[in-house]
Amino acid sequence: MVTAEQVKIFIESALPCEYVGVQGDDGKHFQAYIVSKQFHGKSMVQQHQLVYKSLGDRMKQDIHALSMRTFTPEEWATHQA
């Protein structure tokens, strides 16, 4: 069973991030906030594709659902205000 902390580590190891927060306690369904400079100039779909790519085959095998909110650092600063 995959933990929220493992999902966080998987994302951080493949995608340069300023912040990653992951929640989920059933081992299959997770919610994440991800902040990365890599998201600059990309659509939401493209941002999510980067995250899915960072998780690779885990999305097919271990993780049933990942609900995510993606932000550039500037968007995150505004979101947190």
N, C-alpha and C. Protein backbone atom coordinates (compact mmCIF):
# COMPACT_ATOMS: atom_id res chain seq x y z
N MET A 1 0.84 -1.18 0.00
CA MET A 1 0.00 0.00 0.00
C MET A 1 0.89 1.25 0.00
N VAL A 2 0.54 2.23 -0.82
CA VAL A 2 1.29 3.46 -0.94
C VAL A 2 0.78 4.47 0.09
N THR A 3 1.70 5.21 0.69
CA THR A 3 1.32 6.24 1.65
C THR A 3 1.38 7.63 1.00
N ALA A 4 0.75 8.59 1.64
CA ALA A 4 0.79 9.97 1.15
C ALA A 4 2.23 10.48 1.13
N GLU A 5 3.01 10.12 2.13
CA GLU A 5 4.42 10.54 2.17
C GLU A 5 5.20 9.96 0.99
N GLN A 6 4.92 8.73 0.61
CA GLN A 6 5.60 8.12 -0.54
C GLN A 6 5.22 8.84 -1.83
N VAL A 7 3.94 9.18 -1.99
CA VAL A 7 3.51 9.91 -3.18
C VAL A 7 4.24 11.24 -3.25
N LYS A 8 4.36 11.92 -2.13
CA LYS A 8 5.09 13.19 -2.06
C LYS A 8 6.54 13.00 -2.51
N ILE A 9 7.18 11.97 -2.01
CA ILE A 9 8.58 11.69 -2.38
C ILE A 9 8.70 11.35 -3.86
N PHE A 10 7.77 10.57 -4.39
CA PHE A 10 7.80 10.23 -5.81
C PHE A 10 7.74 11.50 -6.67
N ILE A 11 6.85 12.41 -6.32
CA ILE A 11 6.70 13.65 -7.09
C ILE A 11 7.96 14.50 -6.97
N GLU A 12 8.43 14.70 -5.75
CA GLU A 12 9.61 15.54 -5.52
C GLU A 12 10.87 14.99 -6.17
N SER A 13 10.97 13.68 -6.28
CA SER A 13 12.19 13.10 -6.85
C SER A 13 12.25 13.25 -8.37
N ALA A 14 11.12 13.49 -9.01
CA ALA A 14 11.11 13.57 -10.47
C ALA A 14 10.75 14.96 -11.00
N LEU A 15 10.27 15.85 -10.13
CA LEU A 15 9.82 17.17 -10.56
C LEU A 15 10.34 18.20 -9.56
N PRO A 16 11.14 19.18 -10.02
CA PRO A 16 11.61 20.20 -9.09
C PRO A 16 10.43 20.99 -8.52
N CYS A 17 10.27 20.97 -7.21
CA CYS A 17 9.11 21.61 -6.58
C CYS A 17 9.55 22.52 -5.44
N GLU A 18 8.80 23.59 -5.25
CA GLU A 18 8.99 24.46 -4.11
C GLU A 18 8.17 23.94 -2.92
N TYR A 19 7.07 23.27 -3.22
CA TYR A 19 6.22 22.73 -2.17
C TYR A 19 5.39 21.58 -2.73
N VAL A 20 5.27 20.53 -1.94
CA VAL A 20 4.36 19.42 -2.26
C VAL A 20 3.68 19.01 -0.96
N GLY A 21 2.37 19.00 -0.98
CA GLY A 21 1.59 18.52 0.16
C GLY A 21 0.63 17.46 -0.33
N VAL A 22 0.66 16.29 0.27
CA VAL A 22 -0.20 15.18 -0.17
C VAL A 22 -0.94 14.63 1.04
N GLN A 23 -2.22 14.38 0.84
CA GLN A 23 -3.05 13.75 1.86
C GLN A 23 -3.73 12.53 1.27
N GLY A 24 -4.10 11.62 2.11
CA GLY A 24 -4.79 10.41 1.71
C GLY A 24 -4.46 9.32 2.69
N ASP A 25 -5.46 8.58 3.12
CA ASP A 25 -5.18 7.58 4.15
C ASP A 25 -5.67 6.18 3.81
N ASP A 26 -6.14 5.99 2.56
CA ASP A 26 -6.60 4.64 2.23
C ASP A 26 -5.64 3.90 1.31
N GLY A 27 -4.51 4.55 0.96
CA GLY A 27 -3.50 3.90 0.14
C GLY A 27 -3.78 3.90 -1.35
N LYS A 28 -4.90 4.46 -1.78
CA LYS A 28 -5.25 4.46 -3.20
C LYS A 28 -5.72 5.83 -3.72
N HIS A 29 -6.31 6.65 -2.84
CA HIS A 29 -6.89 7.93 -3.23
C HIS A 29 -6.15 9.05 -2.51
N PHE A 30 -5.64 10.03 -3.30
CA PHE A 30 -4.82 11.08 -2.71
C PHE A 30 -5.23 12.45 -3.24
N GLN A 31 -4.96 13.46 -2.41
CA GLN A 31 -5.15 14.85 -2.79
C GLN A 31 -3.79 15.54 -2.62
N ALA A 32 -3.45 16.39 -3.60
CA ALA A 32 -2.13 17.01 -3.55
C ALA A 32 -2.18 18.48 -3.95
N TYR A 33 -1.32 19.27 -3.31
CA TYR A 33 -1.00 20.63 -3.71
C TYR A 33 0.45 20.60 -4.16
N ILE A 34 0.72 21.09 -5.37
CA ILE A 34 2.06 21.03 -5.92
C ILE A 34 2.43 22.40 -6.48
N VAL A 35 3.58 22.91 -6.04
CA VAL A 35 4.07 24.22 -6.48
C VAL A 35 5.41 24.00 -7.17
N SER A 36 5.51 24.43 -8.44
CA SER A 36 6.75 24.23 -9.18
C SER A 36 6.94 25.33 -10.21
N LYS A 37 8.19 25.75 -10.37
CA LYS A 37 8.53 26.70 -11.45
C LYS A 37 8.32 26.05 -12.81
N GLN A 38 8.34 24.74 -12.86
CA GLN A 38 8.15 24.02 -14.12
C GLN A 38 6.76 24.27 -14.73
N PHE A 39 5.83 24.78 -13.93
CA PHE A 39 4.46 25.01 -14.40
C PHE A 39 4.29 26.33 -15.14
N HIS A 40 5.32 27.20 -15.10
CA HIS A 40 5.23 28.49 -15.78
C HIS A 40 4.90 28.31 -17.26
N GLY A 41 3.90 29.04 -17.73
CA GLY A 41 3.55 29.04 -19.15
C GLY A 41 2.83 27.79 -19.63
N LYS A 42 2.48 26.91 -18.73
CA LYS A 42 1.80 25.66 -19.11
C LYS A 42 0.33 25.72 -18.69
N SER A 43 -0.51 25.08 -19.48
CA SER A 43 -1.92 24.97 -19.14
C SER A 43 -2.07 24.02 -17.94
N MET A 44 -3.23 24.02 -17.34
CA MET A 44 -3.48 23.13 -16.21
C MET A 44 -3.30 21.67 -16.64
N VAL A 45 -3.77 21.34 -17.83
CA VAL A 45 -3.62 19.97 -18.33
C VAL A 45 -2.14 19.61 -18.45
N GLN A 46 -1.34 20.52 -19.00
CA GLN A 46 0.09 20.26 -19.14
C GLN A 46 0.77 20.13 -17.77
N GLN A 47 0.34 20.94 -16.81
CA GLN A 47 0.90 20.84 -15.46
C GLN A 47 0.59 19.48 -14.85
N HIS A 48 -0.66 19.05 -15.00
CA HIS A 48 -1.06 17.76 -14.44
C HIS A 48 -0.31 16.62 -15.14
N GLN A 49 -0.07 16.77 -16.43
CA GLN A 49 0.68 15.75 -17.16
C GLN A 49 2.10 15.61 -16.60
N LEU A 50 2.71 16.74 -16.22
CA LEU A 50 4.04 16.68 -15.62
C LEU A 50 4.02 15.89 -14.31
N VAL A 51 2.98 16.10 -13.52
CA VAL A 51 2.86 15.37 -12.25
C VAL A 51 2.63 13.89 -12.52
N TYR A 52 1.72 13.57 -13.43
CA TYR A 52 1.48 12.16 -13.76
C TYR A 52 2.75 11.49 -14.27
N LYS A 53 3.52 12.21 -15.08
CA LYS A 53 4.78 11.67 -15.59
C LYS A 53 5.74 11.38 -14.43
N SER A 54 5.75 12.26 -13.42
CA SER A 54 6.64 12.04 -12.28
C SER A 54 6.26 10.78 -11.50
N LEU A 55 5.00 10.39 -11.57
CA LEU A 55 4.54 9.19 -10.86
C LEU A 55 4.67 7.93 -11.71
N GLY A 56 4.78 8.11 -13.01
CA GLY A 56 5.00 6.97 -13.91
C GLY A 56 3.97 5.87 -13.78
N ASP A 57 4.44 4.63 -13.78
CA ASP A 57 3.55 3.46 -13.72
C ASP A 57 2.80 3.33 -12.40
N ARG A 58 3.22 4.08 -11.39
CA ARG A 58 2.51 4.02 -10.11
C ARG A 58 1.04 4.44 -10.27
N MET A 59 0.77 5.32 -11.25
CA MET A 59 -0.61 5.75 -11.49
C MET A 59 -1.45 4.60 -12.03
N LYS A 60 -0.82 3.66 -12.68
CA LYS A 60 -1.54 2.52 -13.23
C LYS A 60 -1.66 1.38 -12.22
N GLN A 61 -0.66 1.27 -11.35
CA GLN A 61 -0.59 0.10 -10.47
C GLN A 61 -1.00 0.39 -9.03
N ASP A 62 -0.44 1.46 -8.44
CA ASP A 62 -0.59 1.66 -7.01
C ASP A 62 -1.59 2.75 -6.62
N ILE A 63 -1.69 3.77 -7.45
CA ILE A 63 -2.53 4.92 -7.11
C ILE A 63 -3.78 4.89 -7.96
N HIS A 64 -4.91 4.81 -7.33
CA HIS A 64 -6.18 4.74 -8.06
C HIS A 64 -6.63 6.13 -8.50
N ALA A 65 -6.49 7.13 -7.63
CA ALA A 65 -6.94 8.49 -7.95
C ALA A 65 -6.05 9.51 -7.28
N LEU A 66 -5.74 10.58 -8.04
CA LEU A 66 -4.97 11.69 -7.51
C LEU A 66 -5.67 12.98 -7.90
N SER A 67 -6.23 13.64 -6.93
CA SER A 67 -6.82 14.96 -7.13
C SER A 67 -5.74 15.97 -6.82
N MET A 68 -5.47 16.89 -7.73
CA MET A 68 -4.36 17.81 -7.48
C MET A 68 -4.71 19.25 -7.83
N ARG A 69 -4.05 20.15 -7.14
CA ARG A 69 -4.08 21.58 -7.44
C ARG A 69 -2.64 21.95 -7.69
N THR A 70 -2.36 22.51 -8.86
CA THR A 70 -1.01 22.88 -9.23
C THR A 70 -0.90 24.40 -9.32
N PHE A 71 0.27 24.90 -8.90
CA PHE A 71 0.51 26.34 -8.85
C PHE A 71 1.95 26.65 -9.25
N THR A 72 2.14 27.81 -9.89
CA THR A 72 3.49 28.37 -9.99
C THR A 72 3.78 28.99 -8.62
N PRO A 73 5.04 29.30 -8.33
CA PRO A 73 5.33 29.94 -7.03
C PRO A 73 4.55 31.25 -6.85
N GLU A 74 4.40 32.02 -7.92
CA GLU A 74 3.69 33.29 -7.83
C GLU A 74 2.19 33.07 -7.54
N GLU A 75 1.60 32.09 -8.20
CA GLU A 75 0.19 31.76 -7.95
C GLU A 75 0.01 31.27 -6.52
N TRP A 76 0.95 30.48 -6.03
CA TRP A 76 0.88 29.94 -4.67
C TRP A 76 0.94 31.08 -3.65
N ALA A 77 1.82 32.08 -3.89
CA ALA A 77 1.93 33.21 -2.97
C ALA A 77 0.61 33.96 -2.90
N THR A 78 -0.07 34.12 -4.03
CA THR A 78 -1.37 34.79 -4.07
C THR A 78 -2.43 33.93 -3.39
N HIS A 79 -2.36 32.63 -3.63
CA HIS A 79 -3.32 31.69 -3.03
C HIS A 79 -3.23 31.69 -1.51
N GLN A 80 -2.01 31.82 -1.00
CA GLN A 80 -1.77 31.78 0.44
C GLN A 80 -2.13 33.10 1.14
N ALA A 81 -2.22 34.18 0.37
CA ALA A 81 -2.48 35.51 0.98
C ALA A 81 -3.87 35.62 1.55
